[in-house]
N, C-alpha and C. Protein backbone atom coordinates (compact mmCIF):
# COMPACT_ATOMS: atom_id res chain seq x y z
N MET A 1 91.17 150.64 131.32
CA MET A 1 92.29 149.96 131.99
C MET A 1 91.86 148.48 132.61
N LEU A 2 90.55 148.67 133.00
CA LEU A 2 89.97 147.20 133.33
C LEU A 2 89.29 146.39 132.36
N THR A 3 89.38 146.76 131.21
CA THR A 3 88.48 146.05 130.09
C THR A 3 89.45 144.75 129.87
N PRO A 4 90.68 144.53 129.99
CA PRO A 4 91.26 143.20 129.89
C PRO A 4 91.08 142.18 131.30
N ALA A 5 90.61 142.65 132.21
CA ALA A 5 90.41 142.00 133.57
C ALA A 5 88.75 141.72 133.08
N PHE A 6 87.97 142.59 132.71
CA PHE A 6 86.58 142.03 132.45
C PHE A 6 86.42 141.14 131.19
N LEU A 7 87.49 141.19 130.49
CA LEU A 7 87.37 140.32 129.38
C LEU A 7 87.67 138.89 129.85
N ASN A 8 88.67 138.71 130.76
CA ASN A 8 89.11 137.53 131.26
C ASN A 8 87.81 136.95 132.17
N LEU A 9 87.45 137.87 133.11
CA LEU A 9 86.27 137.50 133.95
C LEU A 9 84.95 137.07 133.20
N THR A 10 84.73 137.56 132.20
CA THR A 10 83.50 137.18 131.38
C THR A 10 83.58 136.01 130.56
N SER A 11 84.85 135.45 130.46
CA SER A 11 85.03 134.07 129.83
C SER A 11 84.79 133.02 130.61
N GLN A 12 84.45 133.16 131.92
CA GLN A 12 84.29 132.12 132.84
C GLN A 12 82.80 132.32 133.59
N ASP A 13 82.23 131.17 133.82
CA ASP A 13 80.74 131.14 134.21
C ASP A 13 80.69 131.90 135.59
N LYS A 14 81.52 131.58 136.69
CA LYS A 14 81.33 131.94 137.82
C LYS A 14 81.50 133.35 137.95
N PRO A 15 82.81 133.91 137.31
CA PRO A 15 82.95 135.36 137.58
C PRO A 15 81.94 136.17 136.53
N LEU A 16 81.54 135.57 135.66
CA LEU A 16 80.49 136.19 134.71
C LEU A 16 79.23 136.37 135.48
N GLU A 17 78.80 135.51 136.26
CA GLU A 17 77.62 135.46 137.15
C GLU A 17 77.72 136.92 137.89
N MET A 18 78.88 136.92 138.86
CA MET A 18 79.31 138.12 139.55
C MET A 18 79.27 139.22 138.83
N PHE A 19 79.91 139.29 137.72
CA PHE A 19 79.92 140.49 136.77
C PHE A 19 78.56 141.00 136.51
N CYS A 20 77.87 139.89 136.22
CA CYS A 20 76.19 140.56 135.79
C CYS A 20 75.41 141.03 136.87
N SER A 21 75.77 140.29 138.00
CA SER A 21 74.94 140.46 138.93
C SER A 21 75.18 141.99 139.73
N HIS A 22 76.59 142.55 139.37
CA HIS A 22 76.88 143.70 139.86
C HIS A 22 76.73 144.84 139.03
N GLY A 23 75.98 144.55 137.81
CA GLY A 23 75.87 145.79 136.87
C GLY A 23 76.95 145.73 135.78
N GLY A 24 77.68 144.95 135.59
CA GLY A 24 78.82 145.14 134.71
C GLY A 24 78.34 145.06 133.18
N PRO A 25 77.19 144.40 132.67
CA PRO A 25 76.80 144.78 131.38
C PRO A 25 76.42 146.13 131.23
N GLU A 26 75.49 146.70 131.89
CA GLU A 26 75.24 148.08 131.84
C GLU A 26 76.51 149.17 131.65
N MET A 27 77.42 148.83 132.61
CA MET A 27 78.71 149.72 132.55
C MET A 27 79.04 149.48 131.40
N ILE A 28 79.48 148.32 130.66
CA ILE A 28 80.37 147.78 129.52
C ILE A 28 79.41 148.64 128.42
N ILE A 29 78.40 148.50 128.48
CA ILE A 29 77.27 149.07 127.25
C ILE A 29 77.44 150.63 127.16
N ASP A 30 77.29 151.25 128.39
CA ASP A 30 77.46 152.49 128.54
C ASP A 30 78.81 153.07 128.03
N TYR A 31 79.80 152.23 128.59
CA TYR A 31 81.08 152.74 128.22
C TYR A 31 81.44 152.78 126.75
N PHE A 32 80.88 151.58 126.08
CA PHE A 32 81.03 151.57 124.51
C PHE A 32 80.29 152.51 123.90
N ILE A 33 79.04 152.86 124.22
CA ILE A 33 78.43 154.12 123.76
C ILE A 33 78.97 155.22 123.85
N LYS A 34 79.64 155.46 124.97
CA LYS A 34 80.32 156.80 125.41
C LYS A 34 81.56 157.16 124.55
N ILE A 35 82.09 155.87 124.36
CA ILE A 35 83.47 155.88 123.41
C ILE A 35 82.92 156.37 122.11
N TRP A 36 82.02 155.77 121.54
CA TRP A 36 81.62 156.00 120.10
C TRP A 36 80.97 157.51 120.16
N ASP A 37 80.35 157.74 121.12
CA ASP A 37 79.79 159.47 120.91
C ASP A 37 80.90 160.50 121.19
N HIS A 38 81.73 159.97 122.02
CA HIS A 38 82.98 160.91 122.12
C HIS A 38 83.93 160.97 121.18
N SER A 39 83.99 160.02 120.15
CA SER A 39 84.84 159.93 119.15
C SER A 39 84.55 160.67 117.91
N LYS A 40 83.06 160.92 117.94
CA LYS A 40 82.57 161.67 116.71
C LYS A 40 82.89 161.05 115.46
N ILE A 41 82.62 159.73 115.55
CA ILE A 41 83.07 159.10 114.04
C ILE A 41 81.98 159.38 113.13
N THR A 42 82.47 159.74 111.90
CA THR A 42 81.47 159.97 110.61
C THR A 42 81.61 158.89 109.51
N ASN A 43 83.22 159.10 109.16
CA ASN A 43 83.34 158.14 108.03
C ASN A 43 84.57 157.41 107.90
N ASP A 44 85.35 157.40 109.14
CA ASP A 44 86.57 156.81 109.22
C ASP A 44 86.77 156.44 110.67
N ILE A 45 87.24 155.26 111.12
CA ILE A 45 87.56 154.83 112.10
C ILE A 45 89.10 154.54 112.21
N LYS A 46 89.73 155.49 113.19
CA LYS A 46 91.43 155.47 112.91
C LYS A 46 91.67 154.36 114.18
N ASP A 47 93.05 154.05 113.77
CA ASP A 47 93.44 152.89 114.64
C ASP A 47 93.61 153.07 116.04
N GLU A 48 94.00 154.20 116.55
CA GLU A 48 93.72 154.61 117.98
C GLU A 48 92.21 154.34 118.51
N ILE A 49 91.39 154.73 117.92
CA ILE A 49 89.92 154.36 118.35
C ILE A 49 89.59 152.99 118.48
N VAL A 50 90.06 152.16 117.49
CA VAL A 50 89.84 150.68 117.20
C VAL A 50 89.97 150.11 118.68
N ASP A 51 91.30 150.31 119.23
CA ASP A 51 91.58 149.72 120.53
C ASP A 51 90.49 149.99 121.68
N ASP A 52 90.16 151.22 121.67
CA ASP A 52 89.15 151.64 122.53
C ASP A 52 87.57 150.93 122.58
N LEU A 53 87.34 150.67 121.29
CA LEU A 53 86.05 150.25 120.93
C LEU A 53 86.17 148.60 121.09
N LEU A 54 87.26 148.03 120.78
CA LEU A 54 87.36 146.81 120.66
C LEU A 54 87.29 145.94 121.87
N GLY A 55 87.93 146.43 123.18
CA GLY A 55 87.85 145.74 124.33
C GLY A 55 86.32 145.60 124.86
N PRO A 56 85.63 146.72 125.09
CA PRO A 56 84.14 146.40 125.51
C PRO A 56 83.38 145.76 124.60
N LEU A 57 83.67 145.65 123.33
CA LEU A 57 82.87 144.99 122.30
C LEU A 57 83.22 143.42 122.56
N GLN A 58 84.54 143.14 123.03
CA GLN A 58 84.80 141.85 123.19
C GLN A 58 84.15 141.28 124.63
N VAL A 59 83.96 142.10 125.32
CA VAL A 59 83.31 141.80 126.69
C VAL A 59 81.92 141.46 126.60
N LEU A 60 81.23 142.20 125.55
CA LEU A 60 79.85 141.98 125.33
C LEU A 60 79.85 140.69 124.52
N LEU A 61 80.80 140.42 123.69
CA LEU A 61 80.62 139.35 122.79
C LEU A 61 80.63 138.03 123.65
N ASN A 62 81.60 138.02 125.02
CA ASN A 62 81.60 137.05 126.09
C ASN A 62 80.33 136.87 126.46
N ILE A 63 79.61 138.01 126.83
CA ILE A 63 78.33 137.71 127.61
C ILE A 63 77.22 137.31 126.59
N VAL A 64 77.20 137.79 125.53
CA VAL A 64 76.28 137.25 124.37
C VAL A 64 76.54 135.70 124.32
N VAL A 65 77.85 135.35 123.94
CA VAL A 65 77.94 133.97 123.80
C VAL A 65 77.48 133.01 125.14
N LEU A 66 77.73 133.37 126.18
CA LEU A 66 77.51 132.62 127.12
C LEU A 66 76.00 132.91 127.85
N LYS A 67 75.44 134.02 127.70
CA LYS A 67 74.10 134.18 128.37
C LYS A 67 73.25 134.97 127.11
N ARG A 68 73.05 134.32 126.35
CA ARG A 68 72.26 135.14 124.79
C ARG A 68 71.04 135.51 125.21
N GLU A 69 70.13 134.62 125.70
CA GLU A 69 68.85 134.72 125.73
C GLU A 69 68.60 136.01 126.84
N ALA A 70 69.05 135.49 128.10
CA ALA A 70 68.80 136.37 129.25
C ALA A 70 69.21 137.78 129.07
N PHE A 71 70.72 137.82 128.40
CA PHE A 71 71.19 139.27 128.23
C PHE A 71 70.29 140.02 127.32
N ILE A 72 69.93 139.38 126.17
CA ILE A 72 69.18 140.03 125.32
C ILE A 72 67.69 140.34 125.59
N THR A 73 66.98 139.91 126.46
CA THR A 73 65.82 140.20 127.25
C THR A 73 65.92 141.23 128.12
N LYS A 74 67.10 140.97 128.83
CA LYS A 74 67.18 142.36 130.17
C LYS A 74 67.59 143.47 129.45
N TYR A 75 68.43 143.43 128.44
CA TYR A 75 69.17 144.66 128.01
C TYR A 75 68.90 145.18 126.28
N LYS A 76 67.56 144.68 125.97
CA LYS A 76 67.12 144.92 124.40
C LYS A 76 67.14 146.42 124.18
N VAL A 77 66.96 147.41 125.03
CA VAL A 77 66.91 148.74 124.54
C VAL A 77 68.32 149.20 124.36
N GLU A 78 69.20 148.80 125.28
CA GLU A 78 70.49 149.16 125.06
C GLU A 78 71.35 148.54 124.13
N LEU A 79 70.91 147.22 124.02
CA LEU A 79 71.52 146.48 122.77
C LEU A 79 71.10 147.15 121.36
N MET A 80 70.06 147.68 121.20
CA MET A 80 69.40 148.27 120.02
C MET A 80 70.57 149.42 119.67
N LYS A 81 70.90 150.16 120.77
CA LYS A 81 72.01 150.95 120.57
C LYS A 81 73.28 150.66 120.08
N VAL A 82 73.51 149.47 120.70
CA VAL A 82 75.01 148.84 120.39
C VAL A 82 74.76 148.28 118.93
N ILE A 83 73.85 147.89 118.39
CA ILE A 83 73.40 147.39 116.89
C ILE A 83 73.58 148.50 116.06
N ILE A 84 72.99 149.66 116.54
CA ILE A 84 73.02 150.83 115.33
C ILE A 84 74.45 151.37 115.29
N ILE A 85 75.22 151.25 116.50
CA ILE A 85 76.71 151.67 116.37
C ILE A 85 77.43 150.45 115.72
N GLY A 86 77.32 149.19 115.63
CA GLY A 86 77.67 148.22 115.05
C GLY A 86 77.44 148.25 113.67
N ARG A 87 76.26 148.65 113.33
CA ARG A 87 75.92 148.94 111.95
C ARG A 87 76.91 150.02 111.10
N LYS A 88 76.85 151.05 112.15
CA LYS A 88 77.82 152.16 111.32
C LYS A 88 79.09 151.75 111.60
N ILE A 89 79.70 151.18 112.31
CA ILE A 89 81.11 150.50 112.31
C ILE A 89 81.31 149.50 111.21
N SER A 90 80.37 148.71 110.90
CA SER A 90 80.38 147.73 109.72
C SER A 90 80.63 148.54 108.61
N GLU A 91 79.72 149.43 108.44
CA GLU A 91 79.58 150.05 106.98
C GLU A 91 80.83 150.85 106.67
N ILE A 92 81.30 151.54 107.68
CA ILE A 92 82.69 152.42 107.64
C ILE A 92 83.71 151.36 107.34
N LEU A 93 83.98 150.31 107.97
CA LEU A 93 84.98 149.39 107.80
C LEU A 93 85.20 148.65 106.68
N VAL A 94 83.86 148.30 106.32
CA VAL A 94 83.80 147.28 105.10
C VAL A 94 84.24 148.15 103.83
N SER A 95 83.49 149.50 103.95
CA SER A 95 83.99 150.32 102.55
C SER A 95 85.41 150.79 102.74
N LYS A 96 85.83 150.88 103.69
CA LYS A 96 87.45 151.31 104.10
C LYS A 96 88.14 150.18 103.52
N LEU A 97 87.93 148.94 104.01
CA LEU A 97 88.86 147.86 103.63
C LEU A 97 88.70 147.50 102.18
N LYS A 98 87.60 147.90 101.53
CA LYS A 98 87.71 147.66 100.05
C LYS A 98 88.24 148.65 99.27
N SER A 99 88.75 149.90 99.91
CA SER A 99 89.39 150.97 99.01
C SER A 99 90.79 150.62 98.84
N THR A 100 91.06 151.11 97.56
CA THR A 100 92.52 150.93 97.15
C THR A 100 93.49 151.78 97.86
N GLY A 101 94.64 151.11 98.18
CA GLY A 101 95.50 151.81 98.68
C GLY A 101 95.39 151.68 100.44
N TYR A 102 94.49 150.61 100.88
CA TYR A 102 94.29 150.72 102.34
C TYR A 102 95.16 149.63 102.91
N SER A 103 95.75 150.26 104.10
CA SER A 103 96.68 149.43 104.94
C SER A 103 96.29 149.56 106.30
N SER A 104 96.16 148.38 107.12
CA SER A 104 95.88 148.62 108.45
C SER A 104 96.81 147.55 109.21
N GLN A 105 97.06 147.59 110.64
CA GLN A 105 97.92 146.69 111.29
C GLN A 105 96.91 145.55 111.53
N GLY A 106 95.89 145.37 111.05
CA GLY A 106 94.66 144.20 111.41
C GLY A 106 93.85 144.44 112.37
N ASN A 107 93.97 145.57 113.33
CA ASN A 107 93.06 145.61 114.26
C ASN A 107 91.77 146.21 113.54
N GLN A 108 91.71 146.82 112.66
CA GLN A 108 90.38 147.12 112.15
C GLN A 108 89.75 145.94 111.81
N ILE A 109 90.23 145.17 111.09
CA ILE A 109 89.59 143.82 110.41
C ILE A 109 89.21 142.98 111.98
N ILE A 110 89.92 142.99 112.89
CA ILE A 110 89.44 142.24 113.96
C ILE A 110 88.10 143.13 114.55
N LEU A 111 88.24 144.43 114.72
CA LEU A 111 87.09 145.00 115.13
C LEU A 111 85.66 144.81 114.34
N LEU A 112 86.12 144.71 112.92
CA LEU A 112 84.91 144.38 112.01
C LEU A 112 84.29 142.98 112.19
N ALA A 113 85.23 142.09 112.39
CA ALA A 113 84.89 140.64 112.68
C ALA A 113 84.12 140.48 113.96
N ASN A 114 84.66 141.06 115.05
CA ASN A 114 84.08 141.07 116.41
C ASN A 114 82.72 142.00 116.44
N THR A 115 82.55 142.88 115.54
CA THR A 115 81.31 143.70 115.57
C THR A 115 80.31 142.86 114.78
N LEU A 116 80.55 142.23 113.71
CA LEU A 116 79.88 141.53 112.85
C LEU A 116 79.06 140.25 113.74
N LEU A 117 80.13 139.71 114.39
CA LEU A 117 79.87 138.43 115.23
C LEU A 117 78.70 138.97 116.32
N LEU A 118 79.30 139.96 117.29
CA LEU A 118 78.28 140.35 118.15
C LEU A 118 76.93 140.71 117.78
N CYS A 119 76.71 141.41 116.80
CA CYS A 119 75.68 142.06 116.24
C CYS A 119 74.72 140.84 115.55
N LEU A 120 75.42 139.99 114.97
CA LEU A 120 74.56 138.78 114.39
C LEU A 120 74.19 137.87 115.33
N LEU A 121 74.83 137.75 116.73
CA LEU A 121 74.51 136.90 117.65
C LEU A 121 73.36 137.47 118.04
N ILE A 122 73.32 138.79 118.59
CA ILE A 122 72.38 139.57 119.03
C ILE A 122 71.04 139.40 118.19
N ILE A 123 71.07 139.64 116.88
CA ILE A 123 70.06 139.42 116.32
C ILE A 123 69.44 138.05 116.06
N SER A 124 70.30 137.33 116.24
CA SER A 124 69.81 135.70 115.97
C SER A 124 69.37 135.38 117.35
N GLY A 125 69.49 135.91 118.46
CA GLY A 125 69.29 135.63 119.67
C GLY A 125 67.76 136.19 119.93
N ALA A 126 67.42 137.07 119.45
CA ALA A 126 65.98 137.78 119.20
C ALA A 126 64.97 136.76 118.81
N SER A 127 63.90 136.71 119.35
CA SER A 127 62.68 135.87 118.81
C SER A 127 62.58 136.44 117.34
N PRO A 128 62.29 135.56 116.58
CA PRO A 128 61.86 135.98 114.94
C PRO A 128 60.65 136.76 115.00
N SER A 129 59.79 136.62 116.19
CA SER A 129 58.54 137.60 115.90
C SER A 129 58.64 138.80 116.75
N SER A 130 59.84 139.08 117.29
CA SER A 130 60.26 140.39 118.05
C SER A 130 60.41 141.45 117.03
N ASP A 131 59.92 142.51 117.63
CA ASP A 131 59.86 143.79 116.92
C ASP A 131 61.25 144.73 117.22
N LEU A 132 62.13 143.66 117.75
CA LEU A 132 63.58 144.72 118.38
C LEU A 132 64.30 145.14 117.09
N PHE A 133 64.05 144.57 116.21
CA PHE A 133 65.04 144.76 114.87
C PHE A 133 64.06 144.95 113.71
N GLU A 134 64.31 146.33 113.08
CA GLU A 134 63.63 146.25 111.55
C GLU A 134 64.27 145.43 110.65
N LYS A 135 63.62 145.12 109.69
CA LYS A 135 64.00 144.08 108.51
C LYS A 135 65.15 144.76 107.99
N ASP A 136 65.15 146.32 107.64
CA ASP A 136 66.34 146.70 107.09
C ASP A 136 67.53 146.60 107.82
N ILE A 137 67.59 146.75 109.09
CA ILE A 137 68.76 146.57 109.96
C ILE A 137 69.28 145.25 109.84
N VAL A 138 68.44 144.14 110.06
CA VAL A 138 68.92 142.71 109.84
C VAL A 138 69.35 142.48 108.46
N MET A 139 68.90 142.93 107.42
CA MET A 139 69.31 143.02 105.92
C MET A 139 70.59 143.36 105.86
N SER A 140 70.71 144.81 106.26
CA SER A 140 71.96 145.50 106.30
C SER A 140 73.36 144.48 106.86
N PHE A 141 72.96 143.96 107.99
CA PHE A 141 74.07 143.17 108.57
C PHE A 141 74.47 142.01 107.82
N ILE A 142 73.33 141.28 107.41
CA ILE A 142 73.31 140.20 106.37
C ILE A 142 74.24 140.60 105.33
N ASN A 143 73.89 141.69 104.50
CA ASN A 143 74.63 141.92 103.34
C ASN A 143 76.19 142.33 103.77
N VAL A 144 76.38 143.13 104.64
CA VAL A 144 77.85 143.49 105.06
C VAL A 144 78.74 142.22 105.48
N ALA A 145 77.85 141.30 106.24
CA ALA A 145 78.50 139.95 106.87
C ALA A 145 78.86 139.36 105.76
N THR A 146 78.05 139.06 104.71
CA THR A 146 78.07 138.26 103.58
C THR A 146 79.23 138.64 102.69
N THR A 147 79.31 140.06 102.39
CA THR A 147 80.42 140.61 101.66
C THR A 147 81.84 140.47 102.33
N PHE A 148 81.83 140.59 103.59
CA PHE A 148 83.14 140.62 104.45
C PHE A 148 83.53 139.00 104.53
N TYR A 149 82.60 138.03 105.04
CA TYR A 149 83.06 136.91 104.96
C TYR A 149 83.64 136.11 103.64
N GLU A 150 82.83 136.61 102.66
CA GLU A 150 83.34 136.14 101.07
C GLU A 150 84.86 136.79 100.65
N ASP A 151 85.04 137.85 101.32
CA ASP A 151 86.24 138.82 101.05
C ASP A 151 87.37 137.99 102.00
N GLN A 152 86.96 137.52 102.91
CA GLN A 152 87.99 136.75 103.79
C GLN A 152 88.50 135.47 103.47
N ASN A 153 87.92 134.61 102.62
CA ASN A 153 88.14 133.64 102.39
C ASN A 153 89.73 133.16 101.87
N CYS A 154 90.36 134.28 101.65
CA CYS A 154 91.68 133.90 101.23
C CYS A 154 92.69 134.42 102.10
N LEU A 155 92.31 134.48 103.44
CA LEU A 155 93.39 135.06 104.26
C LEU A 155 94.57 134.13 104.67
N SER A 156 95.72 134.83 104.83
CA SER A 156 96.83 134.07 105.13
C SER A 156 96.63 133.43 106.56
N GLN A 157 97.82 132.86 107.11
CA GLN A 157 97.83 132.15 108.32
C GLN A 157 98.59 132.90 109.25
N ASN A 158 98.95 134.23 109.08
CA ASN A 158 99.49 135.07 110.36
C ASN A 158 98.48 135.24 111.58
N GLU A 159 99.01 135.49 112.66
CA GLU A 159 98.12 135.49 113.86
C GLU A 159 96.82 136.28 113.76
N ILE A 160 96.83 137.52 113.20
CA ILE A 160 95.65 138.25 112.89
C ILE A 160 94.50 137.50 112.07
N ASP A 161 94.96 136.78 111.02
CA ASP A 161 94.22 136.08 110.11
C ASP A 161 93.64 134.97 110.67
N VAL A 162 94.18 134.22 111.41
CA VAL A 162 93.72 133.04 112.33
C VAL A 162 92.76 133.52 113.21
N GLN A 163 92.87 134.71 114.05
CA GLN A 163 91.93 135.08 114.86
C GLN A 163 90.66 135.52 114.02
N VAL A 164 90.78 136.13 113.04
CA VAL A 164 89.72 136.70 112.06
C VAL A 164 88.90 135.39 111.49
N ASN A 165 89.84 134.40 111.35
CA ASN A 165 88.97 133.16 110.59
C ASN A 165 88.19 132.54 111.55
N GLU A 166 88.51 132.60 112.96
CA GLU A 166 87.85 131.78 114.03
C GLU A 166 86.37 132.74 114.00
N LEU A 167 86.59 134.11 114.16
CA LEU A 167 85.54 134.78 114.30
C LEU A 167 84.52 134.72 113.05
N ASN A 168 85.20 134.56 111.69
CA ASN A 168 84.32 134.15 110.77
C ASN A 168 83.70 133.02 110.51
N LEU A 169 84.12 132.02 111.15
CA LEU A 169 83.54 130.65 111.09
C LEU A 169 82.25 130.88 112.06
N LEU A 170 82.36 131.38 113.20
CA LEU A 170 81.23 131.34 113.93
C LEU A 170 80.22 132.51 113.52
N GLY A 171 80.66 133.58 112.93
CA GLY A 171 79.65 134.35 112.17
C GLY A 171 79.06 133.89 110.94
N LYS A 172 79.58 133.04 110.22
CA LYS A 172 79.04 132.46 108.99
C LYS A 172 77.83 131.55 109.63
N GLN A 173 78.19 130.71 110.49
CA GLN A 173 77.17 129.86 111.27
C GLN A 173 75.93 130.68 111.82
N VAL A 174 76.02 131.83 112.37
CA VAL A 174 75.19 132.67 112.76
C VAL A 174 74.34 133.33 111.64
N LEU A 175 75.14 133.85 110.80
CA LEU A 175 74.51 134.40 109.57
C LEU A 175 73.63 133.19 108.90
N GLY A 176 74.16 132.18 108.77
CA GLY A 176 73.19 131.01 107.95
C GLY A 176 71.74 130.87 108.86
N SER A 177 71.94 130.87 110.21
CA SER A 177 70.76 130.99 111.06
C SER A 177 69.68 131.79 110.80
N ILE A 178 70.27 133.01 110.68
CA ILE A 178 69.54 134.12 110.49
C ILE A 178 68.81 134.38 109.20
N SER A 179 69.66 133.91 108.19
CA SER A 179 69.18 133.94 106.87
C SER A 179 67.96 132.87 106.61
N SER A 180 68.21 131.78 107.21
CA SER A 180 67.14 130.69 107.24
C SER A 180 65.74 131.06 107.69
N ARG A 181 65.65 132.12 108.60
CA ARG A 181 64.71 132.76 109.21
C ARG A 181 63.81 133.63 108.71
N ILE A 182 64.55 134.32 107.60
CA ILE A 182 63.88 135.46 106.96
C ILE A 182 63.34 134.89 105.54
């Protein structure tokens, strides 16, 4: 219920500072992980679960965009759990989006675009010499992101596609910076 308020607060500098100083990031990370664990997702993410995952993910994305280095340094253990969940979300949704007969209201595509961008930003914000991420995790995200971004080049201009296009542009830039370091 508070996720929309947190999303608004974390998009502004001063409220973000207060949010972070009062343990907001820990709460959102914990909430995101609990949603994932309680939903027991193995090979399909239903539209009902997408909404539960999307809000906290977007809050984390706001924090990473505005405070990347400090956030990654302070929460590297917790963010590794987010990356592992993000990897699973990405693998499930990319294979689902490629299946024949798939239809969605678009929120799964938005979840995937947000997940990829968040994870790529976290990976790109980690020091190249950091042992935070194994090379296979990084390569997994590069492969999934490349596949997703290439498939999204022909989006129409409806509201969902415009939102996904914006996420894709940011994601492609981050993907380029990661790829150049490997």
